[in-house]
């Protein structure tokens, strides 16, 4: 008889001790509840708000906004007057911005990927900086340069013509073009870098000049160029930050500002706002359909085992000067002028000529000494920290589920949902929370979420989660399941397995995903403008409100402080990671930081 089969003597039985949940059992419970909890959150922050907002356009009675269960009257009212003009203006600005940003991105990609132009790492940082700076900050910077009482006015160069030009289609196209260049660049640069030299060499061997060679390789890059144009077009027609700065002082309405004014009116015209949102979503859908038709039935395969990598060519004297003028000119317009203009305007006494004696830090002293501006900064900082951590955790789970080798129906639905959420205009998604969580049925159940920080945080998460998951998708697909299995075999729980086996390998991309979510949330405007609780406002709302009062002096100072905090956190985290991260992480995961 083996020891395991011996009966246990009653006299040696131990008394029953109270059962306690161990760390492993808690981890197992969370693991079992993880996906149901995730799908619940996803439905609450993405599906429900979007569906409610778009359904309102045809069924106002469903949301106690009218007496009809189904009606198209709102469409008839929308397709006339300034509302129709705003939709047309948005389409025009979106097309022009897409063309301009894609053309600039092609030039940037060629200089960065195909030449030995010096300082490529520094220029790359500049592109990332443009990506992180919100459009309303760039618009505000140009406003304080060109507007009355701004930089040009202080040196006696104010021009009514330039001011009128900025507060019109030219201003929209300028800001949205430079804001869209990073999106187009990341779409084009990778394809251009992967394209070998064989096509160019073959064209040159057959006597083709530079223009003919460009016409030869252009069609090969067309999928990337079309993708860049679609991204910039979608970003432009759905942008609210530029409209919030330019639209109040112009006679050029755009769709996003028309949607906002419909919601801000008293009484609010929710159904008109819903129709405008539906039109924005359909516009992106039409653009995607056109792209699909243009690229259907064609092969763009260029990579094979025989592909020779392109060798960066050295620029001559004239080429170097031309590339330098192009690069410096672009970054001056996109980043340097608006930021330096904002800094200068914030230090210049209002309505005075430019002089060293007129420079002062009173605006900054007023910001840091007043709770009027301190509270918005503190609130945005707290919400951004919370949202970025939630977006990172949920984004990692989403990316892992989608990148699994055996993709199921749920993974496919999840992938399509997140891609659609990226194309969904931010102001439409934010407006959806008004209807989803302000329903009378919720109030009757004692659930009063609308007008609270909970709904605002949910909207922030809805805006950050799709992009965060897409950033993590590729790296998560490279993590083999055997790493987690080996950790589990050696006794590690789910959380410990991820912490020890996955996080060190993906530390770089995890840090960048968190930073991107933090930076975009801290200065987020559409959800903040529509969902900030009464008596509370975020830093982005405070900036726009001050600028709309024509107080460029304080508005510029607040913009500089907010942008400094945003980029300062990014720099501090990157430096801390390089200094304090484990040695193994620095050797494996910290490449590129």
Protein backbone atom coordinates (compact mmCIF):
# COMPACT_ATOMS: atom_id res chain seq x y z
CA UNK A 1 0.00 0.00 0.00
CA UNK A 2 1.42 3.31 -0.98
CA UNK A 3 1.64 6.25 1.32
CA UNK A 4 -0.96 8.12 -0.72
CA UNK A 5 -3.60 5.40 0.00
CA UNK A 6 -3.08 5.16 3.77
CA UNK A 7 -6.16 6.28 5.72
CA UNK A 8 -5.74 9.38 7.78
CA UNK A 9 -6.19 8.83 11.51
CA UNK A 10 -9.04 10.95 12.99
CA UNK A 11 -6.76 11.99 15.81
CA UNK A 12 -4.38 13.61 13.37
CA UNK A 13 -6.93 15.64 11.39
CA UNK A 14 -6.30 19.36 11.37
CA UNK A 15 -9.20 21.71 12.13
CA UNK A 16 -10.72 23.41 9.09
CA UNK A 17 -9.07 26.81 8.57
CA UNK A 18 -10.95 29.62 6.88
CA UNK A 19 -10.30 29.62 3.14
CA UNK A 20 -8.42 32.61 1.83
CA UNK A 21 -8.07 33.81 -1.70
CA UNK A 22 -4.49 33.50 -2.79
CA UNK A 23 -2.87 35.77 -5.34
CA UNK A 24 -3.04 32.94 -7.87
CA UNK A 25 -6.77 32.36 -7.29
CA UNK A 26 -7.49 36.08 -7.63
CA UNK A 27 -5.51 36.11 -10.86
CA UNK A 28 -7.47 33.12 -12.16
CA UNK A 29 -10.77 34.83 -11.31
CA UNK A 30 -9.67 37.99 -13.10
CA UNK A 31 -8.51 35.90 -16.05
CA UNK A 32 -11.92 34.26 -16.33
CA UNK A 33 -13.72 37.59 -16.04
CA UNK A 34 -11.26 39.46 -18.24
CA UNK A 35 -12.86 39.05 -21.65
CA UNK A 36 -16.47 39.50 -20.47
CA UNK A 37 -15.39 42.67 -18.67
CA UNK A 38 -13.50 43.81 -21.74
CA UNK A 39 -16.46 43.30 -24.06
CA UNK A 40 -18.72 45.10 -21.62
CA UNK A 41 -16.42 48.11 -21.56
CA UNK A 42 -16.03 48.03 -25.34
CA UNK A 43 -19.78 48.01 -25.88
CA UNK A 44 -20.30 50.85 -23.40
CA UNK A 45 -17.59 53.12 -24.78
CA UNK A 46 -17.85 52.41 -28.53
CA UNK A 47 -20.96 50.57 -29.71
CA UNK A 48 -23.67 52.17 -27.57
CA UNK A 49 -22.70 55.88 -27.99
CA UNK A 50 -22.12 55.59 -31.73
CA UNK A 51 -25.30 53.61 -32.39
CA UNK A 52 -27.43 55.97 -30.28
CA UNK A 53 -26.09 59.10 -31.93
CA UNK A 54 -26.54 57.85 -35.50
CA UNK A 55 -29.98 56.28 -34.79
CA UNK A 56 -31.26 59.65 -33.59
CA UNK A 57 -31.05 61.01 -37.14
CA UNK A 58 -34.06 58.90 -38.22
CA UNK A 59 -35.80 58.04 -34.92
CA UNK A 60 -36.13 61.05 -32.61
CA UNK A 61 -38.89 59.51 -30.50
CA UNK A 62 -36.52 56.73 -29.45
CA UNK A 63 -34.58 59.34 -27.47
CA UNK A 64 -37.51 61.58 -26.45
CA UNK A 65 -36.50 64.21 -29.02
CA UNK A 66 -39.68 64.14 -31.11
CA UNK A 67 -42.91 62.31 -31.84
CA UNK A 68 -41.84 60.19 -34.84
CA UNK A 69 -40.39 56.72 -34.68
CA UNK A 70 -39.05 57.15 -38.21
CA UNK A 71 -38.65 60.40 -40.14
CA UNK A 72 -36.32 62.00 -42.67
CA UNK A 73 -37.30 65.59 -41.88
CA UNK A 74 -33.92 66.32 -40.30
CA UNK A 75 -32.18 65.43 -43.57
CA UNK A 76 -34.34 67.93 -45.44
CA UNK A 77 -33.47 70.65 -42.94
CA UNK A 78 -29.78 69.77 -43.00
CA UNK A 79 -29.43 69.91 -46.76
CA UNK A 80 -29.96 73.65 -47.00
CA UNK A 81 -28.52 76.91 -45.71
CA UNK A 82 -25.29 77.16 -43.75
CA UNK A 83 -25.44 73.53 -42.66
CA UNK A 84 -25.19 72.31 -46.26
CA UNK A 85 -22.52 74.92 -46.94
CA UNK A 86 -20.55 73.64 -43.94
CA UNK A 87 -20.61 70.10 -45.28
CA UNK A 88 -19.40 71.28 -48.68
CA UNK A 89 -16.68 73.40 -47.10
CA UNK A 90 -15.47 70.41 -45.06
CA UNK A 91 -15.24 68.23 -48.16
CA UNK A 92 -13.32 70.94 -50.02
CA UNK A 93 -10.89 71.48 -47.14
CA UNK A 94 -10.49 67.71 -46.69
CA UNK A 95 -9.57 67.13 -50.34
CA UNK A 96 -7.13 70.06 -50.51
CA UNK A 97 -5.50 69.07 -47.21
CA UNK A 98 -5.17 65.44 -48.33
CA UNK A 99 -3.49 66.45 -51.59
CA UNK A 100 -1.17 68.95 -49.91
CA UNK A 101 -0.16 66.72 -47.01
CA UNK A 102 0.47 63.72 -49.28
CA UNK A 103 2.64 65.78 -51.64
CA UNK A 104 4.71 67.12 -48.74
CA UNK A 105 4.94 63.62 -47.22
CA UNK A 106 6.33 62.22 -50.48
CA UNK A 107 9.06 64.85 -50.41
CA UNK A 108 9.83 64.23 -46.74
CA UNK A 109 9.93 60.46 -47.31
CA UNK A 110 12.33 60.80 -50.22
CA UNK A 111 14.69 63.08 -48.30
CA UNK A 112 14.58 60.92 -45.15
CA UNK A 113 14.69 57.47 -46.77
CA UNK A 114 16.57 57.87 -50.05
CA UNK A 115 19.25 60.49 -49.37
CA UNK A 116 22.11 61.10 -46.98
CA UNK A 117 20.61 64.37 -45.81
CA UNK A 118 22.17 65.15 -42.39
CA UNK A 119 20.26 65.15 -39.13
CA UNK A 120 17.62 62.60 -40.07
CA UNK A 121 17.09 61.61 -36.43
CA UNK A 122 16.44 65.23 -35.50
CA UNK A 123 13.95 65.65 -38.34
CA UNK A 124 12.19 62.45 -37.25
CA UNK A 125 11.72 63.94 -33.78
CA UNK A 126 10.20 67.00 -35.44
CA UNK A 127 7.66 64.84 -37.29
CA UNK A 128 6.69 63.14 -34.02
CA UNK A 129 6.35 66.56 -32.37
CA UNK A 130 3.88 67.70 -35.06
CA UNK A 131 1.93 64.49 -34.50
CA UNK A 132 1.65 65.15 -30.77
CA UNK A 133 0.72 68.84 -31.04
CA UNK A 134 -3.08 69.27 -31.40
CA UNK A 135 -4.43 71.15 -34.38
CA UNK A 136 -5.95 73.90 -32.22
CA UNK A 137 -2.52 74.67 -30.74
CA UNK A 138 -1.09 75.16 -34.25
CA UNK A 139 -4.13 77.23 -35.24
CA UNK A 140 -3.86 79.31 -32.08
CA UNK A 141 -0.16 79.91 -32.76
CA UNK A 142 -0.88 81.28 -36.22
CA UNK A 143 -3.78 83.31 -34.83
CA UNK A 144 -1.52 85.15 -32.38
CA UNK A 145 0.98 85.78 -35.18
CA UNK A 146 -1.48 87.13 -37.77
CA UNK A 147 -4.33 88.45 -35.61
CA UNK A 148 -4.93 92.00 -34.44
CA UNK A 149 -2.84 92.65 -31.33
CA UNK A 150 -0.53 89.75 -32.20
CA UNK A 151 3.11 89.48 -33.20
CA UNK A 152 2.85 91.14 -36.63
CA UNK A 153 0.68 93.89 -35.16
CA UNK A 154 3.29 94.59 -32.46
CA UNK A 155 6.00 95.22 -35.07
CA UNK A 156 3.76 97.34 -37.29
CA UNK A 157 3.17 94.69 -39.97
CA UNK A 158 -0.47 93.88 -39.29
CA UNK A 159 -2.44 93.18 -42.45
CA UNK A 160 -6.21 92.91 -42.73
CA UNK A 161 -5.70 90.84 -45.85
CA UNK A 162 -3.57 88.22 -44.06
CA UNK A 163 -6.00 88.08 -41.17
CA UNK A 164 -8.97 87.61 -43.50
CA UNK A 165 -7.03 84.97 -45.43
CA UNK A 166 -6.29 83.03 -42.26
CA UNK A 167 -9.89 83.18 -41.01
CA UNK A 168 -11.12 81.42 -44.12
CA UNK A 169 -10.44 78.36 -46.28
CA UNK A 170 -6.73 79.17 -46.56
CA UNK A 171 -6.30 79.03 -42.77
CA UNK A 172 -8.13 75.72 -42.53
CA UNK A 173 -6.10 74.19 -45.35
CA UNK A 174 -2.81 75.48 -43.93
CA UNK A 175 -3.34 74.07 -40.44
CA UNK A 176 -4.91 70.78 -41.51
CA UNK A 177 -2.27 70.17 -44.17
CA UNK A 178 0.69 70.51 -41.79
CA UNK A 179 -1.23 68.56 -39.14
CA UNK A 180 -1.87 65.74 -41.62
CA UNK A 181 1.71 65.42 -42.88
CA UNK A 182 2.86 63.02 -40.08
CA UNK A 183 -0.04 60.64 -40.83
CA UNK A 184 0.78 60.68 -44.54
CA UNK A 185 4.52 60.39 -43.89
CA UNK A 186 4.19 57.23 -41.80
CA UNK A 187 1.98 55.71 -44.51
CA UNK A 188 4.40 56.50 -47.36
CA UNK A 189 7.87 56.33 -45.81
CA UNK A 190 7.74 52.60 -45.06
CA UNK A 191 6.72 51.70 -48.61
CA UNK A 192 9.37 53.95 -50.11
CA UNK A 193 12.06 52.47 -47.86
CA UNK A 194 11.04 48.91 -48.79
CA UNK A 195 11.01 49.65 -52.53
CA UNK A 196 14.26 48.37 -54.02
CA UNK A 197 16.47 50.02 -56.60
CA UNK A 198 15.63 47.60 -59.44
CA UNK A 199 12.75 49.68 -60.85
CA UNK A 200 14.75 52.88 -60.83
CA UNK A 201 17.82 51.17 -62.30
CA UNK A 202 15.77 49.56 -65.06
CA UNK A 203 14.19 52.87 -65.98
CA UNK A 204 17.52 54.70 -66.03
CA UNK A 205 19.17 51.94 -68.11
CA UNK A 206 16.49 52.43 -70.75
CA UNK A 207 17.24 56.12 -70.93
CA UNK A 208 14.50 57.49 -68.68
CA UNK A 209 15.14 60.81 -67.03
CA UNK A 210 14.21 61.71 -63.47
CA UNK A 211 10.65 62.66 -64.36
CA UNK A 212 10.07 59.47 -66.37
CA UNK A 213 11.63 57.41 -63.58
CA UNK A 214 9.28 59.04 -61.08
CA UNK A 215 6.33 58.16 -63.34
CA UNK A 216 7.59 54.56 -63.36
CA UNK A 217 7.79 54.03 -59.61
CA UNK A 218 4.81 56.27 -58.80
CA UNK A 219 2.16 53.62 -59.57
CA UNK A 220 4.01 51.12 -57.37
CA UNK A 221 3.65 53.52 -54.44
CA UNK A 222 0.03 54.36 -55.23
CA UNK A 223 -1.49 52.13 -52.48
CA UNK A 224 0.59 53.94 -49.85
CA UNK A 225 -0.22 57.33 -51.37
CA UNK A 226 -3.95 56.53 -51.53
CA UNK A 227 -3.83 55.34 -47.91
CA UNK A 228 -2.11 58.57 -46.88
CA UNK A 229 -4.71 60.68 -48.67
CA UNK A 230 -7.59 58.77 -47.07
CA UNK A 231 -6.09 59.15 -43.59
CA UNK A 232 -5.53 62.89 -43.98
CA UNK A 233 -8.97 63.38 -45.57
CA UNK A 234 -10.67 61.58 -42.66
CA UNK A 235 -8.63 63.51 -40.11
CA UNK A 236 -9.36 66.83 -41.82
CA UNK A 237 -13.13 66.59 -42.23
CA UNK A 238 -13.50 65.33 -38.66
CA UNK A 239 -11.13 67.85 -37.07
CA UNK A 240 -12.76 70.09 -34.49
CA UNK A 241 -9.75 71.86 -32.96
CA UNK A 242 -9.01 74.02 -36.00
CA UNK A 243 -12.69 74.88 -36.38
CA UNK A 244 -12.95 75.84 -32.71
CA UNK A 245 -10.21 78.48 -33.19
CA UNK A 246 -10.94 79.75 -36.71
CA UNK A 247 -14.71 79.37 -37.15
CA UNK A 248 -15.87 81.95 -34.52
CA UNK A 249 -14.03 84.72 -36.36
CA UNK A 250 -14.74 83.64 -39.94
CA UNK A 251 -17.62 83.35 -42.40
CA UNK A 252 -16.50 79.93 -43.56
CA UNK A 253 -18.56 77.28 -41.73
CA UNK A 254 -17.42 73.65 -41.60
CA UNK A 255 -19.36 70.54 -40.65
CA UNK A 256 -17.74 69.85 -37.28
CA UNK A 257 -18.44 73.38 -36.04
CA UNK A 258 -22.00 73.20 -37.37
CA UNK A 259 -22.44 69.99 -35.39
CA UNK A 260 -21.08 71.69 -32.27
CA UNK A 261 -23.30 74.75 -32.64
CA UNK A 262 -26.36 72.50 -33.11
CA UNK A 263 -25.55 70.83 -29.79
CA UNK A 264 -24.65 74.09 -28.02
CA UNK A 265 -27.79 75.95 -29.15
CA UNK A 266 -30.71 76.50 -26.83
CA UNK A 267 -32.73 74.46 -27.27
CA UNK A 268 -30.21 72.00 -28.69
CA UNK A 269 -30.99 70.60 -32.14
CA UNK A 270 -29.84 67.04 -31.49
CA UNK A 271 -31.33 65.55 -34.64
CA UNK A 272 -29.56 67.98 -36.95
CA UNK A 273 -26.29 67.22 -35.16
CA UNK A 274 -26.93 63.51 -35.67
CA UNK A 275 -27.49 63.96 -39.41
CA UNK A 276 -24.25 65.95 -39.74
CA UNK A 277 -22.40 63.20 -37.91
CA UNK A 278 -23.90 60.58 -40.20
CA UNK A 279 -22.79 62.58 -43.25
CA UNK A 280 -19.23 62.77 -41.92
CA UNK A 281 -19.12 59.01 -41.41
CA UNK A 282 -20.56 58.40 -44.89
CA UNK A 283 -17.97 60.76 -46.42
CA UNK A 284 -15.15 58.65 -45.01
CA UNK A 285 -16.91 55.52 -46.27
CA UNK A 286 -17.17 56.97 -49.80
CA UNK A 287 -13.46 57.84 -49.73
CA UNK A 288 -12.59 54.26 -48.72
CA UNK A 289 -14.81 52.92 -51.52
CA UNK A 290 -13.06 55.12 -54.10
CA UNK A 291 -9.67 53.89 -52.89
CA UNK A 292 -10.82 50.28 -53.18
CA UNK A 293 -12.07 50.82 -56.74
CA UNK A 294 -8.84 52.50 -57.83
CA UNK A 295 -6.59 49.71 -56.52
CA UNK A 296 -8.81 46.72 -57.32
CA UNK A 297 -7.47 44.12 -59.75
CA UNK A 298 -3.89 45.39 -59.70
CA UNK A 299 -0.78 43.82 -58.23
CA UNK A 300 1.64 45.95 -56.23
CA UNK A 301 3.99 43.18 -55.11
CA UNK A 302 7.58 44.43 -55.16
CA UNK A 303 9.32 42.57 -52.33
CA UNK A 304 10.99 39.24 -53.01
CA UNK A 305 14.18 37.41 -52.23
CA UNK A 306 15.89 39.24 -55.10
CA UNK A 307 14.93 42.72 -53.96
CA UNK A 308 17.99 44.89 -53.48
CA UNK A 309 17.67 47.49 -50.74
CA UNK A 310 17.88 51.06 -51.93
CA UNK A 311 21.17 52.74 -51.11
CA UNK A 312 20.74 56.35 -49.95
CA UNK A 313 22.29 58.64 -52.52
CA UNK A 314 24.53 61.55 -51.64
CA UNK A 315 23.09 64.94 -52.50
CA UNK A 316 25.18 67.43 -54.39
CA UNK A 317 25.53 71.04 -53.43
CA UNK A 318 22.38 72.20 -55.20
CA UNK A 319 20.43 69.15 -54.00
CA UNK A 320 21.48 69.71 -50.40
CA UNK A 321 20.46 73.38 -50.54
CA UNK A 322 17.10 72.48 -52.10
CA UNK A 323 16.41 69.76 -49.52
CA UNK A 324 17.43 72.08 -46.70
CA UNK A 325 15.09 74.84 -47.93
CA UNK A 326 12.25 72.33 -48.23
CA UNK A 327 12.76 70.79 -44.77
CA UNK A 328 13.38 74.05 -42.93
CA UNK A 329 10.48 75.77 -44.69
CA UNK A 330 8.04 73.02 -43.80
CA UNK A 331 9.00 72.85 -40.12
CA UNK A 332 8.95 76.63 -39.85
CA UNK A 333 5.35 76.70 -41.04
CA UNK A 334 4.25 73.57 -39.17
CA UNK A 335 5.93 73.99 -35.82
CA UNK A 336 8.44 76.78 -35.28
CA UNK A 337 6.38 79.86 -36.25
CA UNK A 338 3.18 78.92 -34.38
CA UNK A 339 5.05 77.85 -31.23
CA UNK A 340 7.48 80.78 -31.17
CA UNK A 341 4.60 83.09 -32.05
CA UNK A 342 2.65 81.76 -29.09
CA UNK A 343 5.65 82.18 -26.78
CA UNK A 344 6.28 85.73 -28.01
CA UNK A 345 2.64 86.77 -27.75
CA UNK A 346 2.40 85.36 -24.23
CA UNK A 347 5.34 87.52 -23.09
CA UNK A 348 4.33 90.72 -24.84
CA UNK A 349 2.16 93.27 -23.05
CA UNK A 350 -1.16 93.41 -24.90
CA UNK A 351 -1.65 96.09 -27.58
CA UNK A 352 1.94 97.35 -27.40
CA UNK A 353 4.72 97.56 -29.94
CA UNK A 354 7.50 95.01 -29.77
CA UNK A 355 10.27 96.08 -27.43
CA UNK A 356 12.43 94.34 -24.84
CA UNK A 357 10.97 96.66 -22.21
CA UNK A 358 7.48 95.38 -23.01
CA UNK A 359 8.35 91.72 -22.46
CA UNK A 360 6.86 90.36 -19.26
CA UNK A 361 5.98 87.09 -17.56
CA UNK A 362 2.77 88.42 -16.02
CA UNK A 363 0.61 86.06 -18.07
CA UNK A 364 2.50 83.03 -16.76
CA UNK A 365 2.43 84.38 -13.22
CA UNK A 366 -1.34 84.74 -13.51
CA UNK A 367 -1.72 81.17 -14.73
CA UNK A 368 0.31 79.56 -11.96
CA UNK A 369 -1.08 81.77 -9.20
CA UNK A 370 -4.74 81.48 -10.18
CA UNK A 371 -6.97 78.49 -9.57
CA UNK A 372 -8.94 79.54 -12.66
CA UNK A 373 -6.19 78.06 -14.85
CA UNK A 374 -4.58 75.71 -12.33
CA UNK A 375 -7.71 73.59 -11.94
CA UNK A 376 -8.06 72.77 -15.68
CA UNK A 377 -4.40 71.76 -15.92
CA UNK A 378 -4.67 69.52 -12.85
CA UNK A 379 -7.91 67.94 -14.08
CA UNK A 380 -6.51 67.19 -17.55
CA UNK A 381 -3.34 65.74 -16.06
CA UNK A 382 -5.25 63.33 -13.80
CA UNK A 383 -7.65 62.20 -16.52
CA UNK A 384 -4.81 61.70 -19.02
CA UNK A 385 -2.85 59.53 -16.58
CA UNK A 386 -5.87 57.33 -15.83
CA UNK A 387 -6.99 57.05 -19.45
CA UNK A 388 -3.54 56.26 -20.83
CA UNK A 389 -3.04 53.36 -18.41
CA UNK A 390 -6.49 51.93 -19.19
CA UNK A 391 -5.90 52.34 -22.94
CA UNK A 392 -2.53 50.59 -22.67
CA UNK A 393 -3.89 47.57 -20.78
CA UNK A 394 -6.98 47.19 -22.94
CA UNK A 395 -5.04 47.91 -26.12
CA UNK A 396 -2.57 45.14 -25.29
CA UNK A 397 -5.42 42.68 -24.72
CA UNK A 398 -7.09 43.68 -27.98
CA UNK A 399 -3.86 43.43 -29.97
CA UNK A 400 -3.09 40.03 -28.49
CA UNK A 401 -6.56 38.73 -29.32
CA UNK A 402 -6.52 40.02 -32.89
CA UNK A 403 -2.97 38.83 -33.60
CA UNK A 404 -3.64 35.26 -32.44
CA UNK A 405 -2.71 32.65 -35.03
CA UNK A 406 -6.17 31.09 -34.97
CA UNK A 407 -8.37 34.06 -35.63
CA UNK A 408 -12.03 33.48 -34.77
CA UNK A 409 -15.18 35.40 -35.59
CA UNK A 410 -14.92 37.49 -32.43
CA UNK A 411 -11.39 38.59 -33.32
CA UNK A 412 -12.50 39.60 -36.82
CA UNK A 413 -15.44 41.57 -35.46
CA UNK A 414 -13.15 43.23 -32.95
CA UNK A 415 -10.67 44.17 -35.67
CA UNK A 416 -13.34 45.68 -37.93
CA UNK A 417 -14.84 47.57 -34.99
CA UNK A 418 -11.57 49.21 -34.06
CA UNK A 419 -10.74 50.11 -37.66
CA UNK A 420 -14.17 51.72 -37.97
CA UNK A 421 -13.66 53.57 -34.69
CA UNK A 422 -10.45 55.11 -36.03
CA UNK A 423 -12.33 56.47 -39.04
CA UNK A 424 -15.19 57.75 -36.86
CA UNK A 425 -14.90 61.52 -36.29
CA UNK A 426 -13.98 62.29 -32.69
CA UNK A 427 -16.76 64.83 -32.28
CA UNK A 428 -19.33 62.27 -33.49
CA UNK A 429 -18.09 59.73 -30.97
CA UNK A 430 -18.11 62.34 -28.22
CA UNK A 431 -21.62 63.51 -29.11
CA UNK A 432 -22.84 59.92 -28.89
CA UNK A 433 -22.21 59.89 -25.15
CA UNK A 434 -24.75 62.69 -24.72
CA UNK A 435 -27.58 60.50 -26.01
CA UNK A 436 -26.35 57.15 -24.71
CA UNK A 437 -26.00 58.26 -21.09
CA UNK A 438 -28.66 60.97 -20.87
CA UNK A 439 -31.64 58.73 -21.60
CA UNK A 440 -34.68 59.10 -19.31
CA UNK A 441 -34.73 55.34 -18.75
CA UNK A 442 -31.31 55.52 -17.10
CA UNK A 443 -32.42 58.30 -14.77
CA UNK A 444 -35.47 56.26 -13.78
CA UNK A 445 -33.08 53.44 -12.82
CA UNK A 446 -31.01 55.79 -10.68
CA UNK A 447 -28.07 55.80 -13.16
CA UNK A 448 -27.04 59.41 -13.71
CA UNK A 449 -23.72 59.31 -15.54
CA UNK A 450 -24.18 62.22 -17.91
CA UNK A 451 -22.47 65.36 -16.72
CA UNK A 452 -19.89 63.45 -14.66
CA UNK A 453 -16.20 62.76 -15.03
CA UNK A 454 -17.02 59.08 -15.59
CA UNK A 455 -18.61 59.78 -18.97
CA UNK A 456 -15.77 62.13 -19.94
CA UNK A 457 -13.22 59.43 -19.04
CA UNK A 458 -15.18 56.87 -21.06
CA UNK A 459 -15.09 59.19 -24.07
CA UNK A 460 -11.34 59.66 -23.65
CA UNK A 461 -10.90 55.88 -23.52
CA UNK A 462 -13.06 55.43 -26.63
CA UNK A 463 -10.82 57.86 -28.49
CA UNK A 464 -7.51 56.36 -27.30
CA UNK A 465 -8.23 52.63 -27.42
CA UNK A 466 -8.43 52.13 -31.23
CA UNK A 467 -5.13 53.85 -32.02
CA UNK A 468 -3.34 52.27 -29.04
CA UNK A 469 -4.41 48.77 -30.07
CA UNK A 470 -3.28 49.37 -33.67
CA UNK A 471 0.15 50.53 -32.46
CA UNK A 472 0.55 47.34 -30.41
CA UNK A 473 -0.88 44.96 -33.02
CA UNK A 474 2.33 44.30 -34.96
CA UNK A 475 4.62 43.80 -31.95
CA UNK A 476 2.07 41.57 -30.21
CA UNK A 477 1.91 39.37 -33.30
CA UNK A 478 5.66 38.75 -32.94
CA UNK A 479 5.35 37.35 -29.40
CA UNK A 480 5.21 33.56 -29.60
CA UNK A 481 2.74 31.81 -27.31
CA UNK A 482 5.54 29.51 -26.09
CA UNK A 483 7.00 32.37 -24.04
CA UNK A 484 3.85 32.65 -21.93
CA UNK A 485 3.44 28.87 -21.82
CA UNK A 486 6.98 28.41 -20.51
CA UNK A 487 6.38 30.97 -17.78
CA UNK A 488 3.13 29.26 -16.77
CA UNK A 489 4.86 25.85 -16.63
CA UNK A 490 7.37 27.27 -14.17
CA UNK A 491 4.59 28.36 -11.82
CA UNK A 492 3.99 31.96 -12.85
CA UNK A 493 0.48 33.37 -12.95
CA UNK A 494 -1.02 35.25 -15.87
CA UNK A 495 0.12 38.69 -14.71
CA UNK A 496 3.59 37.48 -13.73
CA UNK A 497 4.01 35.67 -17.06
CA UNK A 498 3.26 38.83 -18.99
CA UNK A 499 5.45 40.94 -16.73
CA UNK A 500 8.48 38.68 -17.01
CA UNK A 501 8.16 37.21 -20.51
CA UNK A 502 6.48 39.87 -22.64
CA UNK A 503 6.95 43.33 -21.14
CA UNK A 504 10.79 43.32 -21.38
CA UNK A 505 10.64 42.41 -25.08
CA UNK A 506 8.01 45.04 -25.92
CA UNK A 507 9.10 47.75 -23.51
CA UNK A 508 9.81 50.30 -26.25
CA UNK A 509 6.49 50.01 -28.03
CA UNK A 510 4.58 49.87 -24.72
CA UNK A 511 6.22 53.09 -23.58
CA UNK A 512 5.45 54.82 -26.88
CA UNK A 513 1.85 53.57 -26.89
CA UNK A 514 1.33 54.92 -23.36
CA UNK A 515 2.96 58.24 -24.21
CA UNK A 516 0.88 58.68 -27.35
CA UNK A 517 -2.33 57.95 -25.42
CA UNK A 518 -1.30 60.37 -22.65
CA UNK A 519 -0.25 63.18 -24.99
CA UNK A 520 -3.39 63.05 -27.11
CA UNK A 521 -5.72 62.77 -24.10
CA UNK A 522 -4.15 65.61 -22.12
CA UNK A 523 -4.88 68.13 -24.90
CA UNK A 524 -8.03 66.45 -26.29
CA UNK A 525 -10.74 68.93 -27.32
CA UNK A 526 -13.98 67.49 -28.86
CA UNK A 527 -14.99 65.24 -25.94
CA UNK A 528 -13.80 67.87 -23.45
CA UNK A 529 -15.90 70.59 -25.09
CA UNK A 530 -19.08 68.50 -25.17
CA UNK A 531 -18.81 66.40 -21.99
CA UNK A 532 -16.99 68.44 -19.35
CA UNK A 533 -19.09 68.45 -16.15
CA UNK A 534 -20.73 71.73 -15.10
CA UNK A 535 -18.30 73.93 -13.21
CA UNK A 536 -15.31 71.93 -14.44
CA UNK A 537 -13.26 72.32 -17.60
CA UNK A 538 -10.15 70.77 -19.03
CA UNK A 539 -7.11 72.69 -20.19
CA UNK A 540 -8.11 72.43 -23.87
CA UNK A 541 -11.53 73.98 -23.16
CA UNK A 542 -9.90 76.74 -21.12
CA UNK A 543 -7.51 77.57 -23.99
CA UNK A 544 -10.27 77.80 -26.60
CA UNK A 545 -12.52 79.87 -24.32
CA UNK A 546 -9.78 82.39 -23.63
CA UNK A 547 -8.85 82.67 -27.31
CA UNK A 548 -12.49 83.14 -28.32
CA UNK A 549 -12.62 86.11 -25.95
CA UNK A 550 -9.82 87.66 -28.06
CA UNK A 551 -7.47 87.41 -25.08
CA UNK A 552 -4.47 86.19 -27.08
CA UNK A 553 -2.11 87.28 -24.30
CA UNK A 554 -3.42 84.77 -21.75
CA UNK A 555 -4.55 82.23 -24.33
CA UNK A 556 -1.06 81.97 -25.80
CA UNK A 557 0.50 81.63 -22.34
CA UNK A 558 -1.92 78.86 -21.39
CA UNK A 559 -1.23 77.07 -24.68
CA UNK A 560 2.53 77.24 -24.10
CA UNK A 561 2.20 75.93 -20.54
CA UNK A 562 -0.12 73.08 -21.56
CA UNK A 563 2.10 72.06 -24.48
CA UNK A 564 5.19 72.29 -22.28
CA UNK A 565 3.61 69.98 -19.69
CA UNK A 566 2.51 67.54 -22.39
CA UNK A 567 5.87 67.29 -24.14
CA UNK A 568 7.69 67.53 -20.80
CA UNK A 569 5.99 64.38 -19.54
CA UNK A 570 6.94 62.61 -22.77
CA UNK A 571 10.60 63.65 -22.43
CA UNK A 572 10.72 62.82 -18.71
CA UNK A 573 9.32 59.32 -19.22
CA UNK A 574 11.74 58.57 -22.05
CA UNK A 575 14.72 59.78 -20.00
CA UNK A 576 13.58 57.87 -16.92
CA UNK A 577 13.17 54.72 -18.97
CA UNK A 578 16.70 54.92 -20.32
CA UNK A 579 18.18 55.66 -16.88
CA UNK A 580 16.17 53.45 -14.51
CA UNK A 581 14.94 50.53 -16.61
CA UNK A 582 16.61 47.13 -16.02
CA UNK A 583 19.74 46.45 -18.00
CA UNK A 584 18.10 43.65 -19.96
CA UNK A 585 15.27 45.96 -20.98
CA UNK A 586 17.75 48.55 -22.23
CA UNK A 587 19.57 45.91 -24.26
CA UNK A 588 16.47 44.32 -25.81
CA UNK A 589 13.48 46.59 -25.51
CA UNK A 590 14.93 50.10 -25.53
CA UNK A 591 16.11 50.24 -29.12
CA UNK A 592 14.99 53.38 -30.82
CA UNK A 593 14.47 55.42 -27.64
